[in-house]
Protein backbone atom coordinates (compact mmCIF):
# COMPACT_ATOMS: atom_id res chain seq x y z
CA MET A 1 0.00 0.00 0.00
CA LYS A 2 1.54 3.29 -1.13
CA ILE A 3 0.44 6.22 0.98
CA VAL A 4 2.99 8.76 -0.28
CA PRO A 5 1.82 10.22 -3.60
CA ASP A 6 4.27 10.51 -6.47
CA GLU A 7 3.31 14.11 -7.20
CA SER A 8 6.40 16.28 -7.52
CA SER A 9 4.35 19.36 -6.67
CA MET A 10 3.27 18.02 -3.29
CA ASP A 11 3.07 20.83 -0.73
CA LEU A 12 4.08 20.93 2.93
CA GLY A 13 0.55 20.43 4.21
CA ALA A 14 0.10 17.29 2.16
CA LEU A 15 3.48 15.93 3.29
CA LEU A 16 2.67 16.55 6.96
CA GLY A 17 -0.73 14.93 6.50
CA THR A 18 0.97 11.89 5.01
CA LEU A 19 3.46 11.81 7.89
CA ARG A 20 0.56 11.83 10.34
CA SER A 21 -0.87 8.72 8.62
CA VAL A 22 2.41 6.91 8.04
CA ALA A 23 4.18 7.54 11.35
CA PRO A 24 1.68 8.71 13.96
CA ASP A 25 4.26 8.08 16.69
CA VAL A 26 6.57 10.67 15.10
CA TRP A 27 3.67 13.09 14.60
CA GLU A 28 2.37 12.70 18.16
CA SER A 29 5.81 13.17 19.68
CA ARG A 30 5.83 16.67 18.18
CA ASP A 31 9.57 16.21 17.64
CA LEU A 32 9.61 16.84 13.94
CA SER A 33 13.26 17.90 13.89
CA GLY A 34 14.11 14.87 11.76
CA ILE A 35 11.53 15.95 9.20
CA LEU A 36 11.40 19.75 9.29
CA PRO A 37 14.39 21.96 8.46
CA GLN A 38 16.49 23.96 10.90
CA GLN A 39 15.65 27.13 8.95
CA MET A 40 12.01 27.66 7.98
CA GLY A 41 13.06 29.32 4.70
CA ASP A 42 14.23 25.91 3.52
CA LEU A 43 10.59 24.83 3.27
CA GLU A 44 10.33 26.87 0.08
CA LYS A 45 13.11 24.90 -1.61
CA PRO A 46 11.93 22.01 -3.80
CA GLU A 47 14.99 19.91 -2.94
CA PHE A 48 14.10 20.07 0.75
CA LEU A 49 10.52 19.00 0.08
CA ASN A 50 11.87 16.11 -2.00
CA ARG A 51 14.13 14.98 0.89
CA MET A 52 11.17 15.28 3.25
CA LYS A 53 9.02 13.22 0.88
CA ASP A 54 11.77 10.58 0.64
CA LYS A 55 11.96 10.28 4.44
CA ILE A 56 8.20 9.93 4.75
CA GLN A 57 8.16 7.33 1.97
CA LYS A 58 10.91 5.35 3.75
CA LEU A 59 8.93 5.51 7.02
CA ASP A 60 5.91 4.19 5.13
CA GLU A 61 7.97 1.28 3.76
CA LEU A 62 9.30 0.46 7.23
CA LYS A 63 5.80 0.55 8.71
CA GLU A 64 4.58 -1.85 6.02
CA MET A 65 7.51 -4.19 6.73
CA MET A 66 6.69 -4.18 10.44
CA GLU A 67 3.00 -4.83 9.79
CA ARG A 68 3.88 -7.78 7.51
CA GLY A 69 6.16 -9.19 10.19
CA SER A 70 9.31 -8.72 8.09
CA ILE A 71 10.88 -6.64 10.85
CA SER A 72 10.21 -6.38 14.58
CA LYS A 73 8.97 -3.28 16.39
CA GLN A 74 12.50 -2.84 17.78
CA GLU A 75 14.00 -3.03 14.28
CA TYR A 76 11.36 -0.57 13.04
CA ASN A 77 12.20 1.90 15.80
CA SER A 78 15.93 1.61 15.13
CA MET A 79 15.51 2.06 11.39
CA LYS A 80 13.08 4.94 11.95
CA ILE A 81 15.68 6.76 14.04
CA ASP A 82 18.21 6.21 11.26
CA VAL A 83 15.85 7.66 8.63
CA LEU A 84 15.03 10.70 10.76
CA SER A 85 18.68 11.41 11.55
CA ARG A 86 19.72 11.70 7.88
């Protein structure tokens, strides 16, 4: 199941909505430092939105793997931290 659309023109609101669906634990923690930029002006840069989309897509893939039983919850959490720290 692909939750992250392939639209290159996807805006910040859509990306954050997708994050909320894909990784509610990240969304609810309110620690979005692994997703949002250090400088808010970076949100206007397409390359930043593409990196953000890539992270959310990877989180979606990891969630699917955990739900299928391919990885454990511990492995998911470890991999999620890795994705968010990039």
